[in-house]
N, C-alpha and C. Protein backbone atom coordinates (compact mmCIF):
# COMPACT_ATOMS: atom_id res chain seq x y z
N MET A 1 0.45 -1.41 -0.21
CA MET A 1 -0.14 0.11 -0.11
C MET A 1 0.47 1.93 -0.16
N SER A 2 1.71 1.27 0.62
CA SER A 2 2.34 2.96 1.00
C SER A 2 3.66 2.98 0.01
N SER A 3 3.99 1.54 -0.40
CA SER A 3 4.79 1.98 -1.49
C SER A 3 3.76 2.13 -2.89
N ASN A 4 2.67 1.75 -3.48
CA ASN A 4 2.01 2.57 -4.39
C ASN A 4 1.30 3.49 -4.06
N ILE A 5 1.62 4.26 -3.02
CA ILE A 5 1.37 5.58 -2.56
C ILE A 5 2.59 6.43 -2.97
N MET A 6 3.47 5.58 -2.81
CA MET A 6 5.06 6.42 -3.02
C MET A 6 5.12 6.62 -4.84
N ASN A 7 4.70 5.57 -5.28
CA ASN A 7 5.23 5.39 -6.72
C ASN A 7 3.91 6.43 -7.38
N ARG A 8 3.15 6.74 -6.79
CA ARG A 8 2.66 7.92 -7.38
C ARG A 8 2.54 8.92 -7.52
N ILE A 9 3.14 9.30 -5.87
CA ILE A 9 3.53 10.94 -5.66
C ILE A 9 4.79 10.71 -6.68
N LEU A 10 6.12 9.58 -7.06
CA LEU A 10 6.97 9.85 -7.30
C LEU A 10 6.46 10.18 -8.75
N THR A 11 5.52 9.20 -9.64
CA THR A 11 4.96 9.97 -10.72
C THR A 11 4.39 11.48 -11.08
N TYR A 12 3.21 11.86 -10.39
CA TYR A 12 3.31 13.19 -10.46
C TYR A 12 4.43 13.66 -10.03
N GLY A 13 5.80 13.72 -9.81
CA GLY A 13 6.78 14.69 -9.53
C GLY A 13 7.39 14.34 -11.01
N ARG A 14 7.46 13.45 -11.41
CA ARG A 14 8.48 13.71 -12.92
C ARG A 14 7.12 14.06 -13.75
N MET A 15 6.06 14.65 -13.69
CA MET A 15 5.06 14.39 -14.94
C MET A 15 5.30 15.93 -14.49
N ILE A 16 5.76 16.34 -13.58
CA ILE A 16 5.84 18.54 -13.53
C ILE A 16 7.24 18.64 -13.15
N LYS A 17 8.05 17.86 -13.37
CA LYS A 17 9.96 17.88 -12.79
C LYS A 17 9.94 18.73 -11.89
N PHE A 18 9.22 17.84 -10.56
CA PHE A 18 9.44 18.85 -8.86
C PHE A 18 11.06 19.38 -9.16
N SER A 19 11.53 18.21 -9.19
CA SER A 19 13.02 18.31 -8.62
C SER A 19 13.65 19.80 -9.47
N HIS A 20 13.51 20.30 -10.51
CA HIS A 20 13.76 21.01 -10.76
C HIS A 20 13.28 22.58 -10.43
N THR A 21 12.30 22.62 -9.40
CA THR A 21 11.49 23.67 -8.06
C THR A 21 12.30 24.19 -7.58
N ILE A 22 14.00 23.74 -7.14
CA ILE A 22 14.63 23.92 -6.71
C ILE A 22 15.42 24.93 -7.30
N PHE A 23 15.81 25.28 -8.52
CA PHE A 23 16.33 25.85 -9.67
C PHE A 23 15.66 27.28 -9.67
N ALA A 24 13.91 27.57 -8.74
CA ALA A 24 13.36 28.29 -9.55
C ALA A 24 13.56 29.51 -8.14
N LEU A 25 13.80 28.72 -6.79
CA LEU A 25 13.34 28.85 -5.83
C LEU A 25 14.35 30.41 -5.75
N PRO A 26 15.87 30.28 -5.45
CA PRO A 26 16.85 31.39 -5.39
C PRO A 26 15.87 32.83 -6.09
N PHE A 27 14.47 32.86 -7.11
CA PHE A 27 15.01 34.11 -7.72
C PHE A 27 13.74 34.37 -7.18
N ALA A 28 12.41 33.68 -6.50
CA ALA A 28 11.84 34.30 -5.20
C ALA A 28 12.98 34.14 -4.34
N LEU A 29 13.64 33.90 -3.84
CA LEU A 29 14.22 34.04 -2.24
C LEU A 29 15.20 35.16 -2.29
N SER A 30 15.53 35.13 -3.64
CA SER A 30 16.66 36.97 -3.34
C SER A 30 15.42 37.82 -3.31
N ALA A 31 14.00 37.85 -3.75
CA ALA A 31 13.60 39.25 -3.73
C ALA A 31 13.09 39.67 -2.51
N VAL A 32 13.04 38.32 -1.82
CA VAL A 32 12.80 38.33 -0.22
C VAL A 32 14.22 38.85 0.77
N VAL A 33 15.06 38.69 0.10
CA VAL A 33 16.44 38.81 0.67
C VAL A 33 16.33 40.53 0.45
N LEU A 34 16.01 41.31 -0.62
CA LEU A 34 16.35 42.75 -1.33
C LEU A 34 15.19 43.54 -0.38
N ALA A 35 14.13 42.46 -0.30
CA ALA A 35 12.54 43.01 0.70
C ALA A 35 13.19 43.70 1.89
N GLN A 36 13.51 42.58 1.81
CA GLN A 36 13.65 42.89 3.73
C GLN A 36 14.82 43.77 4.63
N ARG A 37 15.48 43.90 3.06
CA ARG A 37 16.68 45.77 3.63
C ARG A 37 15.84 46.34 3.94
N GLN A 38 14.37 46.57 3.56
CA GLN A 38 13.69 47.52 3.45
C GLN A 38 12.60 47.64 4.47
N TYR A 39 11.77 46.59 4.51
CA TYR A 39 10.79 45.90 5.13
C TYR A 39 10.94 45.06 6.12
N PRO A 40 9.47 44.96 7.23
CA PRO A 40 10.33 44.71 8.57
C PRO A 40 9.58 43.28 7.99
N LEU A 41 10.70 41.80 8.04
CA LEU A 41 10.33 40.45 7.82
C LEU A 41 10.01 39.65 8.62
N VAL A 42 8.75 38.80 8.21
CA VAL A 42 8.41 38.29 8.94
C VAL A 42 8.36 36.68 8.99
N TRP A 43 8.97 35.80 9.58
CA TRP A 43 9.63 34.78 9.07
C TRP A 43 8.75 33.79 8.51
N THR A 44 7.37 33.61 8.69
CA THR A 44 6.17 32.61 8.51
C THR A 44 6.62 33.40 6.93
N ASP A 45 7.04 34.40 6.53
CA ASP A 45 5.79 34.73 5.11
C ASP A 45 6.94 34.16 4.45
N ILE A 46 8.58 34.07 4.75
CA ILE A 46 9.42 33.17 3.71
C ILE A 46 8.39 31.84 3.66
N PHE A 47 8.15 30.93 4.40
CA PHE A 47 6.96 29.78 4.48
C PHE A 47 6.15 29.74 3.11
N TRP A 48 5.35 30.73 3.57
CA TRP A 48 3.89 30.52 2.90
C TRP A 48 4.57 31.72 1.51
N VAL A 49 5.71 31.92 0.77
CA VAL A 49 6.49 32.55 -0.46
C VAL A 49 6.43 30.80 -0.68
N LEU A 50 7.36 30.19 0.31
CA LEU A 50 7.64 29.28 -0.10
C LEU A 50 6.77 27.99 -1.17
N LEU A 51 5.91 27.89 0.05
CA LEU A 51 4.69 27.10 -0.03
C LEU A 51 3.86 27.91 -1.27
N ALA A 52 3.74 29.06 -2.06
CA ALA A 52 3.20 29.74 -2.80
C ALA A 52 3.79 29.23 -3.92
N MET A 53 4.89 29.50 -4.21
CA MET A 53 5.79 28.93 -5.48
C MET A 53 5.34 27.73 -5.75
N VAL A 54 5.89 26.64 -5.02
CA VAL A 54 5.56 25.39 -5.44
C VAL A 54 4.34 25.11 -5.86
N GLY A 55 3.48 26.30 -5.20
CA GLY A 55 1.36 25.41 -5.13
C GLY A 55 1.43 26.03 -6.55
N ALA A 56 1.97 27.35 -7.18
CA ALA A 56 1.74 27.67 -8.87
C ALA A 56 2.65 27.07 -9.63
N ARG A 57 4.29 26.53 -9.35
CA ARG A 57 4.43 26.25 -10.63
C ARG A 57 3.77 24.75 -10.97
N SER A 58 3.69 23.95 -9.56
CA SER A 58 2.86 22.81 -9.61
C SER A 58 1.90 22.52 -10.79
N ALA A 59 0.71 23.44 -10.81
CA ALA A 59 -0.19 23.79 -11.07
C ALA A 59 0.01 24.09 -12.36
N ALA A 60 0.57 24.75 -12.43
CA ALA A 60 1.08 25.51 -13.96
C ALA A 60 1.87 24.57 -14.81
N MET A 61 2.65 23.66 -14.04
CA MET A 61 3.55 22.18 -15.00
C MET A 61 2.60 21.29 -15.16
N GLY A 62 1.47 21.12 -14.34
CA GLY A 62 0.30 19.76 -14.30
C GLY A 62 -0.57 20.48 -15.65
N PHE A 63 -1.10 21.61 -15.89
CA PHE A 63 -1.92 21.92 -16.69
C PHE A 63 -1.38 22.01 -18.06
N ASN A 64 0.34 22.71 -18.16
CA ASN A 64 1.17 22.48 -19.65
C ASN A 64 0.78 21.05 -19.55
N ARG A 65 0.82 19.79 -18.91
CA ARG A 65 1.31 18.72 -18.92
C ARG A 65 -0.40 18.33 -19.91
N ILE A 66 -1.40 18.70 -18.99
CA ILE A 66 -2.49 18.78 -19.77
C ILE A 66 -3.03 18.74 -20.71
N ALA A 67 -2.82 20.43 -21.16
CA ALA A 67 -2.85 21.09 -22.31
C ALA A 67 -2.00 20.83 -23.95
N ASP A 68 -0.97 20.05 -23.19
CA ASP A 68 -0.19 19.44 -24.22
C ASP A 68 -0.41 17.99 -24.21
N ALA A 69 -0.76 17.55 -23.74
CA ALA A 69 -0.87 15.58 -23.56
C ALA A 69 -1.28 15.75 -25.65
N ARG A 70 -2.23 15.84 -25.85
CA ARG A 70 -1.97 14.93 -27.38
C ARG A 70 -0.77 15.59 -28.26
N ILE A 71 -0.94 17.10 -28.31
CA ILE A 71 0.78 17.34 -28.86
C ILE A 71 1.84 16.08 -28.19
N ASP A 72 2.18 16.15 -27.08
CA ASP A 72 2.90 15.06 -26.38
C ASP A 72 3.02 14.10 -27.42
N ALA A 73 1.52 13.20 -27.10
CA ALA A 73 1.43 11.85 -27.55
C ALA A 73 2.40 11.86 -28.69
N ASN A 74 2.30 12.67 -29.75
CA ASN A 74 2.77 12.80 -31.01
C ASN A 74 4.28 13.44 -31.56
N ASN A 75 4.92 13.54 -30.42
CA ASN A 75 6.04 13.60 -30.37
C ASN A 75 6.76 12.98 -29.62
N PRO A 76 8.15 12.30 -30.38
CA PRO A 76 8.85 10.57 -29.98
C PRO A 76 9.45 11.61 -29.05
N ARG A 77 9.80 12.70 -28.74
CA ARG A 77 10.75 12.73 -27.70
C ARG A 77 9.96 12.57 -26.24
N THR A 78 8.84 13.33 -26.98
CA THR A 78 7.93 13.29 -25.14
C THR A 78 6.78 12.54 -25.47
N SER A 79 6.45 11.41 -25.92
CA SER A 79 5.89 10.58 -26.11
C SER A 79 5.52 9.42 -24.95
N GLN A 80 6.34 9.66 -24.14
CA GLN A 80 6.41 9.10 -22.79
C GLN A 80 6.10 9.92 -21.73
N ARG A 81 6.01 10.63 -22.27
CA ARG A 81 5.53 11.72 -20.56
C ARG A 81 4.60 11.03 -19.80
N GLU A 82 3.77 11.10 -18.72
CA GLU A 82 2.71 10.11 -18.17
C GLU A 82 1.37 9.75 -18.25
N ILE A 83 1.04 11.34 -19.03
CA ILE A 83 -0.10 10.97 -19.36
C ILE A 83 -0.33 10.84 -21.02
N PRO A 84 0.81 11.38 -21.78
CA PRO A 84 0.41 9.88 -23.28
C PRO A 84 0.30 8.86 -23.14
N SER A 85 1.73 8.82 -22.16
CA SER A 85 2.33 7.45 -22.59
C SER A 85 1.00 5.93 -20.93
N GLY A 86 0.15 6.85 -20.79
CA GLY A 86 -1.28 6.07 -19.60
C GLY A 86 -0.42 5.83 -18.56
N LYS A 87 0.74 6.39 -18.18
CA LYS A 87 1.31 6.28 -16.45
C LYS A 87 0.70 6.75 -15.39
N LEU A 88 -0.30 7.80 -16.08
CA LEU A 88 -0.97 8.76 -15.06
C LEU A 88 -2.76 9.35 -16.06
N GLU A 89 -3.77 8.77 -15.26
CA GLU A 89 -4.59 9.20 -15.68
C GLU A 89 -5.19 11.02 -16.17
N LEU A 90 -6.01 11.68 -17.14
CA LEU A 90 -5.91 12.79 -17.37
C LEU A 90 -6.60 13.32 -15.91
N ARG A 91 -8.00 12.52 -15.27
CA ARG A 91 -8.43 13.21 -14.44
C ARG A 91 -7.93 13.16 -13.41
N SER A 92 -6.87 12.10 -13.04
CA SER A 92 -6.20 12.72 -11.91
C SER A 92 -4.97 13.43 -12.14
N ALA A 93 -4.35 13.91 -13.02
CA ALA A 93 -3.67 15.12 -13.54
C ALA A 93 -4.52 16.37 -13.18
N VAL A 94 -5.98 16.49 -13.61
CA VAL A 94 -6.80 17.80 -13.26
C VAL A 94 -7.12 18.38 -11.87
N PHE A 95 -6.96 17.18 -11.06
CA PHE A 95 -7.29 16.80 -9.31
C PHE A 95 -5.74 17.24 -9.01
N PHE A 96 -4.68 17.11 -9.53
CA PHE A 96 -3.85 17.39 -9.29
C PHE A 96 -3.31 19.22 -9.20
N VAL A 97 -3.92 19.53 -10.58
CA VAL A 97 -4.32 20.95 -10.98
C VAL A 97 -4.45 22.06 -10.42
N ILE A 98 -5.71 21.21 -9.36
CA ILE A 98 -6.61 22.27 -8.43
C ILE A 98 -6.26 22.11 -7.37
N PHE A 99 -5.88 21.20 -6.61
CA PHE A 99 -4.91 20.62 -5.58
C PHE A 99 -3.92 21.91 -5.44
N PHE A 100 -3.29 22.34 -6.19
CA PHE A 100 -2.16 23.08 -5.69
C PHE A 100 -2.49 24.55 -6.05
N SER A 101 -3.51 24.34 -7.35
CA SER A 101 -4.09 25.66 -7.32
C SER A 101 -4.95 26.26 -5.96
N ALA A 102 -5.25 25.44 -5.19
CA ALA A 102 -5.95 25.98 -4.16
C ALA A 102 -4.39 25.51 -3.06
N ILE A 103 -3.79 25.29 -2.92
CA ILE A 103 -2.43 25.25 -2.36
C ILE A 103 -1.68 27.06 -2.33
N PHE A 104 -1.79 27.58 -3.79
CA PHE A 104 -1.07 28.53 -4.62
C PHE A 104 -1.67 30.26 -3.34
N ILE A 105 -3.22 29.77 -3.73
CA ILE A 105 -4.14 30.45 -3.81
C ILE A 105 -4.17 31.06 -2.02
N CYS A 106 -4.63 30.04 -1.17
CA CYS A 106 -4.24 29.78 0.24
C CYS A 106 -2.97 30.52 0.65
N SER A 107 -1.94 29.53 0.06
CA SER A 107 -1.02 30.67 0.87
C SER A 107 -0.73 31.78 0.35
N ALA A 108 -1.32 32.39 -0.77
CA ALA A 108 -1.05 33.84 -1.57
C ALA A 108 -1.70 35.01 -0.27
N ALA A 109 -3.43 33.96 0.34
CA ALA A 109 -4.26 34.44 0.89
C ALA A 109 -3.30 34.99 2.94
N MET A 110 -2.23 33.78 2.73
CA MET A 110 -1.89 33.67 4.28
C MET A 110 -0.38 35.16 4.33
N LEU A 111 -0.44 35.55 3.18
CA LEU A 111 0.39 36.80 2.46
C LEU A 111 -0.23 38.44 2.59
N GLY A 112 -1.58 38.10 2.66
CA GLY A 112 -2.10 39.52 2.42
C GLY A 112 -3.24 39.25 1.93
N ARG A 113 -3.63 40.62 1.43
CA ARG A 113 -4.66 40.65 0.62
C ARG A 113 -4.91 40.99 -0.78
N ILE A 114 -3.95 41.65 -0.41
CA ILE A 114 -2.86 42.12 -2.27
C ILE A 114 -2.40 40.52 -2.94
N CYS A 115 -1.81 39.99 -1.74
CA CYS A 115 -1.55 38.83 -2.55
C CYS A 115 -2.94 38.26 -3.05
N PHE A 116 -3.36 37.91 -2.45
CA PHE A 116 -4.58 36.87 -2.30
C PHE A 116 -5.26 37.30 -3.74
N TYR A 117 -6.12 38.98 -3.58
CA TYR A 117 -6.49 39.31 -4.99
C TYR A 117 -5.27 38.96 -6.14
N LEU A 118 -4.32 38.82 -6.39
CA LEU A 118 -3.37 38.90 -7.17
C LEU A 118 -3.32 37.64 -8.13
N ALA A 119 -3.24 36.53 -6.89
CA ALA A 119 -3.33 35.18 -6.73
C ALA A 119 -3.96 34.58 -8.39
N PRO A 120 -4.97 34.93 -8.52
CA PRO A 120 -6.23 34.28 -9.36
C PRO A 120 -5.29 34.52 -10.95
N PRO A 121 -5.51 36.24 -11.16
CA PRO A 121 -4.83 36.61 -12.32
C PRO A 121 -3.65 35.94 -12.85
N VAL A 122 -2.51 36.35 -11.54
CA VAL A 122 -1.13 35.60 -11.67
C VAL A 122 -1.52 33.59 -12.43
N LEU A 123 -2.79 32.93 -11.71
CA LEU A 123 -2.63 31.75 -12.19
C LEU A 123 -3.87 31.38 -13.53
N ALA A 124 -4.30 32.46 -14.12
CA ALA A 124 -4.78 32.17 -14.92
C ALA A 124 -3.62 32.43 -16.39
N LEU A 125 -2.34 33.76 -16.07
CA LEU A 125 -1.34 33.90 -16.87
C LEU A 125 -0.14 32.18 -17.02
N LEU A 126 -0.17 31.85 -15.90
CA LEU A 126 0.58 30.57 -15.91
C LEU A 126 0.38 30.16 -16.63
N PHE A 127 -1.42 29.54 -16.60
CA PHE A 127 -2.04 28.55 -17.49
C PHE A 127 -2.03 28.61 -19.11
N PHE A 128 -1.80 30.28 -18.89
CA PHE A 128 -2.72 30.56 -20.55
C PHE A 128 -0.99 30.29 -21.27
N TYR A 129 -0.43 30.40 -21.00
CA TYR A 129 1.50 30.61 -21.22
C TYR A 129 1.22 29.18 -22.31
N SER A 130 0.23 28.08 -21.81
CA SER A 130 0.43 26.95 -22.27
C SER A 130 -0.41 26.53 -23.80
N TYR A 131 -1.33 27.65 -23.94
CA TYR A 131 -1.25 28.13 -25.36
C TYR A 131 -0.76 28.90 -26.31
N THR A 132 0.26 29.86 -26.00
CA THR A 132 0.67 30.84 -26.48
C THR A 132 1.58 29.76 -27.95
N LYS A 133 2.03 28.88 -28.01
CA LYS A 133 3.02 28.19 -28.70
C LYS A 133 1.82 27.84 -30.43
N ARG A 134 0.62 27.61 -29.71
CA ARG A 134 -0.36 27.40 -30.99
C ARG A 134 -0.50 28.88 -31.76
N PHE A 135 0.43 30.31 -31.42
CA PHE A 135 -0.60 31.51 -32.34
C PHE A 135 0.60 32.31 -32.43
N THR A 136 1.13 32.07 -31.66
CA THR A 136 2.76 33.20 -31.93
C THR A 136 4.29 32.84 -31.36
N TRP A 137 5.25 32.93 -32.45
CA TRP A 137 6.95 33.06 -31.57
C TRP A 137 6.82 33.42 -30.74
N LEU A 138 6.50 34.58 -30.25
CA LEU A 138 6.83 34.84 -28.93
C LEU A 138 6.38 34.10 -27.43
N ALA A 139 5.97 33.04 -27.94
CA ALA A 139 5.32 32.26 -26.45
C ALA A 139 6.92 32.57 -25.52
N HIS A 140 8.53 32.49 -26.44
CA HIS A 140 9.36 32.13 -25.34
C HIS A 140 9.29 33.35 -24.33
N LEU A 141 9.06 33.80 -24.62
CA LEU A 141 9.41 36.15 -24.07
C LEU A 141 7.62 35.59 -22.99
N PHE A 142 6.79 34.57 -23.46
CA PHE A 142 5.39 34.60 -22.12
C PHE A 142 5.97 34.05 -21.39
N LEU A 143 6.64 33.00 -21.60
CA LEU A 143 6.59 31.88 -20.54
C LEU A 143 8.40 32.61 -19.66
N GLY A 144 9.20 33.26 -19.98
CA GLY A 144 9.48 34.14 -19.44
C GLY A 144 9.06 35.16 -18.51
N PHE A 145 7.84 36.22 -18.94
CA PHE A 145 7.33 36.88 -18.10
C PHE A 145 6.47 35.96 -17.05
N ALA A 146 5.69 34.74 -17.22
CA ALA A 146 5.07 34.58 -16.33
C ALA A 146 6.14 33.73 -14.99
N ILE A 147 7.13 33.41 -15.36
CA ILE A 147 7.98 32.86 -14.77
C ILE A 147 8.54 34.28 -14.14
N SER A 148 8.93 35.27 -14.42
CA SER A 148 9.43 36.35 -13.51
C SER A 148 8.38 37.05 -12.93
N LEU A 149 7.15 36.76 -12.47
CA LEU A 149 6.04 37.22 -11.71
C LEU A 149 6.53 36.67 -10.59
N ALA A 150 7.83 35.41 -10.13
CA ALA A 150 8.18 35.11 -9.16
C ALA A 150 8.65 35.93 -7.76
N PRO A 151 9.85 36.70 -8.22
CA PRO A 151 10.87 37.52 -7.86
C PRO A 151 9.63 39.31 -7.49
N LEU A 152 8.75 39.29 -8.13
CA LEU A 152 7.70 40.24 -8.26
C LEU A 152 6.80 39.97 -7.22
N GLY A 153 6.33 38.62 -6.98
CA GLY A 153 5.32 38.47 -6.09
C GLY A 153 5.93 37.76 -4.71
N ALA A 154 7.28 37.42 -5.21
CA ALA A 154 7.97 37.78 -3.47
C ALA A 154 8.48 38.58 -2.89
N TRP A 155 8.39 39.58 -3.89
CA TRP A 155 8.60 41.11 -3.36
C TRP A 155 7.45 41.72 -2.49
N ILE A 156 6.44 41.59 -3.26
CA ILE A 156 4.77 42.05 -2.80
C ILE A 156 4.22 41.49 -1.41
N ALA A 157 4.95 40.12 -1.47
CA ALA A 157 4.49 39.59 -0.07
C ALA A 157 5.17 40.10 0.96
N ILE A 158 6.38 40.46 0.78
CA ILE A 158 6.70 40.95 2.06
C ILE A 158 6.74 42.44 2.20
N ALA A 159 6.98 43.16 1.08
CA ALA A 159 6.23 44.34 1.92
C ALA A 159 5.37 44.33 1.16
N LYS A 160 3.99 44.32 1.35
CA LYS A 160 2.71 44.48 1.07
C LYS A 160 2.72 45.32 0.12
N THR A 161 3.47 45.94 -0.50
CA THR A 161 3.23 47.24 -2.29
C THR A 161 4.01 46.75 -2.78
N PHE A 162 4.36 48.07 -3.89
CA PHE A 162 5.06 47.00 -5.43
C PHE A 162 6.14 48.62 -4.85
N SER A 163 7.46 48.44 -5.75
CA SER A 163 8.40 49.04 -6.26
C SER A 163 9.42 49.04 -7.40
N TRP A 164 8.90 49.50 -8.43
CA TRP A 164 9.65 49.76 -9.40
C TRP A 164 11.53 48.89 -9.61
N PRO A 165 12.02 49.01 -8.70
CA PRO A 165 13.51 48.18 -8.54
C PRO A 165 12.54 47.08 -9.14
N ILE A 166 12.25 46.66 -8.41
CA ILE A 166 12.26 45.08 -8.45
C ILE A 166 11.90 44.06 -9.53
N LEU A 167 11.36 45.14 -10.44
CA LEU A 167 11.21 44.97 -12.21
C LEU A 167 12.65 44.96 -12.51
N LEU A 168 13.66 45.70 -12.18
CA LEU A 168 14.73 44.71 -13.01
C LEU A 168 15.46 43.58 -12.78
N LEU A 169 14.61 42.59 -11.57
CA LEU A 169 15.24 41.20 -11.29
C LEU A 169 14.06 40.96 -12.33
N SER A 170 13.26 40.95 -11.67
CA SER A 170 12.01 40.31 -13.02
C SER A 170 12.66 40.30 -14.69
N LEU A 171 12.48 41.32 -14.94
CA LEU A 171 13.20 41.28 -16.50
C LEU A 171 14.19 40.92 -16.36
N ALA A 172 15.48 40.29 -15.75
CA ALA A 172 16.52 39.29 -15.89
C ALA A 172 15.81 38.01 -15.89
N LEU A 173 14.97 37.86 -15.00
CA LEU A 173 14.65 36.80 -14.64
C LEU A 173 14.05 36.50 -16.29
N MET A 174 13.08 36.93 -16.56
CA MET A 174 12.45 36.99 -17.68
C MET A 174 13.07 36.03 -19.42
N THR A 175 14.52 37.68 -19.53
CA THR A 175 15.15 37.10 -20.12
C THR A 175 16.40 35.69 -20.46
N TYR A 176 16.41 35.10 -19.54
CA TYR A 176 17.12 34.68 -19.07
C TYR A 176 16.51 33.11 -19.15
N ILE A 177 14.47 33.17 -18.62
CA ILE A 177 13.91 31.92 -19.24
C ILE A 177 13.51 31.88 -20.67
N ALA A 178 13.59 32.90 -21.46
CA ALA A 178 13.02 33.44 -22.99
C ALA A 178 14.51 32.73 -23.11
N GLY A 179 15.62 33.24 -23.23
CA GLY A 179 16.60 32.20 -24.20
C GLY A 179 17.16 31.40 -23.41
N PHE A 180 16.81 30.42 -22.30
CA PHE A 180 17.02 28.78 -22.26
C PHE A 180 15.74 28.46 -22.87
N ASP A 181 14.42 29.05 -23.04
CA ASP A 181 13.54 28.77 -23.40
C ASP A 181 14.00 28.41 -25.40
N ILE A 182 14.29 28.78 -26.10
CA ILE A 182 14.45 28.81 -27.55
C ILE A 182 15.55 28.05 -27.49
N LEU A 183 16.98 27.68 -26.58
CA LEU A 183 17.40 26.89 -26.95
C LEU A 183 16.93 25.48 -27.27
N TYR A 184 16.03 25.13 -25.94
CA TYR A 184 14.95 24.38 -26.00
C TYR A 184 14.34 23.68 -26.96
N ALA A 185 13.87 24.71 -27.53
CA ALA A 185 12.79 24.95 -28.45
C ALA A 185 13.30 23.99 -29.66
N CYS A 186 14.57 24.46 -30.21
CA CYS A 186 15.37 23.54 -31.09
C CYS A 186 15.66 22.85 -31.41
N GLN A 187 15.36 21.50 -30.51
CA GLN A 187 15.52 20.60 -30.30
C GLN A 187 13.99 19.63 -31.26
N ASP A 188 12.68 20.61 -31.49
CA ASP A 188 11.82 19.94 -31.92
C ASP A 188 11.07 20.54 -32.94
N VAL A 189 12.31 21.73 -33.99
CA VAL A 189 12.06 22.21 -35.44
C VAL A 189 11.14 22.01 -36.25
N SER A 190 11.15 20.39 -36.44
CA SER A 190 11.06 19.33 -37.47
C SER A 190 9.89 18.92 -36.92
N PHE A 191 9.18 18.30 -35.78
CA PHE A 191 7.56 18.37 -35.23
C PHE A 191 6.37 19.99 -35.20
N ASP A 192 7.60 20.87 -34.61
CA ASP A 192 6.82 22.50 -34.61
C ASP A 192 6.41 22.26 -35.96
N GLN A 193 6.90 22.35 -37.03
CA GLN A 193 6.44 22.45 -38.08
C GLN A 193 6.27 22.36 -38.80
N LYS A 194 5.91 20.70 -38.30
CA LYS A 194 4.91 19.59 -38.77
C LYS A 194 3.47 19.61 -38.44
N GLU A 195 3.24 20.19 -36.65
CA GLU A 195 2.32 20.52 -36.43
C GLU A 195 1.60 22.09 -36.14
N GLY A 196 2.60 22.94 -36.91
CA GLY A 196 1.79 24.41 -36.99
C GLY A 196 2.08 24.42 -35.97
N LEU A 197 3.28 24.25 -34.65
CA LEU A 197 3.22 24.85 -33.78
C LEU A 197 4.53 26.38 -33.84
N PHE A 198 4.31 27.20 -32.68
CA PHE A 198 5.61 28.54 -33.15
C PHE A 198 6.46 28.74 -32.17
N SER A 199 7.81 28.85 -32.83
CA SER A 199 8.58 29.04 -32.17
C SER A 199 9.71 29.65 -32.73
N ILE A 200 10.41 30.62 -32.33
CA ILE A 200 11.49 31.46 -32.25
C ILE A 200 12.25 30.63 -33.69
N PRO A 201 13.19 29.11 -32.77
CA PRO A 201 13.50 28.96 -34.25
C PRO A 201 13.25 27.87 -35.02
N VAL A 202 11.68 28.26 -35.80
CA VAL A 202 10.53 27.34 -36.34
C VAL A 202 10.74 28.56 -36.97
N HIS A 203 10.57 29.82 -36.69
CA HIS A 203 10.35 31.42 -37.66
C HIS A 203 11.85 31.65 -38.06
N PHE A 204 12.56 31.68 -37.13
CA PHE A 204 13.73 32.15 -38.16
C PHE A 204 14.61 31.55 -38.19
N GLY A 205 14.57 30.12 -37.76
CA GLY A 205 15.85 28.92 -37.93
C GLY A 205 16.59 29.16 -37.63
N THR A 206 17.52 27.81 -37.03
CA THR A 206 17.59 27.42 -35.60
C THR A 206 19.21 28.36 -35.12
N ARG A 207 20.05 28.69 -36.55
CA ARG A 207 20.77 29.57 -36.65
C ARG A 207 20.75 31.19 -35.93
N LYS A 208 19.80 31.77 -36.53
CA LYS A 208 19.21 32.81 -35.83
C LYS A 208 19.13 32.44 -34.47
N ALA A 209 18.38 31.49 -33.98
CA ALA A 209 17.89 31.44 -32.57
C ALA A 209 18.48 31.23 -32.24
N LEU A 210 19.51 30.46 -32.16
CA LEU A 210 20.51 30.32 -30.96
C LEU A 210 21.21 32.26 -30.98
N LEU A 211 21.51 32.62 -32.08
CA LEU A 211 22.26 33.77 -32.06
C LEU A 211 21.05 34.87 -31.17
N ILE A 212 19.89 34.98 -31.47
CA ILE A 212 18.73 34.99 -30.45
C ILE A 212 19.26 35.51 -28.73
N ALA A 213 19.14 33.97 -28.61
CA ALA A 213 18.97 33.09 -27.22
C ALA A 213 20.29 34.07 -26.43
N ALA A 214 21.34 33.95 -27.16
CA ALA A 214 22.60 34.43 -26.85
C ALA A 214 22.28 36.13 -26.76
N MET A 215 21.30 36.76 -26.67
CA MET A 215 20.84 38.31 -26.65
C MET A 215 20.79 38.51 -25.18
């Protein structure tokens, strides 16, 4: 029984690449460090910031896997992902997304009214990213923008207000993520062309895409 539960948890973790969450945490935590230099830090807020980030990322990744299930099934590189391969049922993935969306919104509520009000539109933006490659080659920038909300949100969670300087960190993160995603998309150029999906490598070609990513 316990082994089945553990295998289930590991399957969910593989679906959303949970191990990659740790690479995103420093950006949110750096915003916390910057904010506490100007605003009083409540230590429990750090816990809620971390939980909110895990909830948001897990919900967004789960939604992405649901939205891309058919595309993933047709792509040899991704056909063995949990949903298209049948390792995880679609309804289980939907429940997973609902569960972690609730965690994100509840964590945001614990961080104050402004965070609670901002949580639903942020979640909507994270979900919307999954559809951008269907109509624009700027999908990489939209992914960068979605992820760049992490340090901005962490700042607001501590400061309880918006501040323009934190946008520099968010902008740096946006361009970093967009560049990385362009490189990642280079391996699917042929498939994306066949499926009618949009990306910078498809639009400009791989060589120019590499130059754009380097910028």
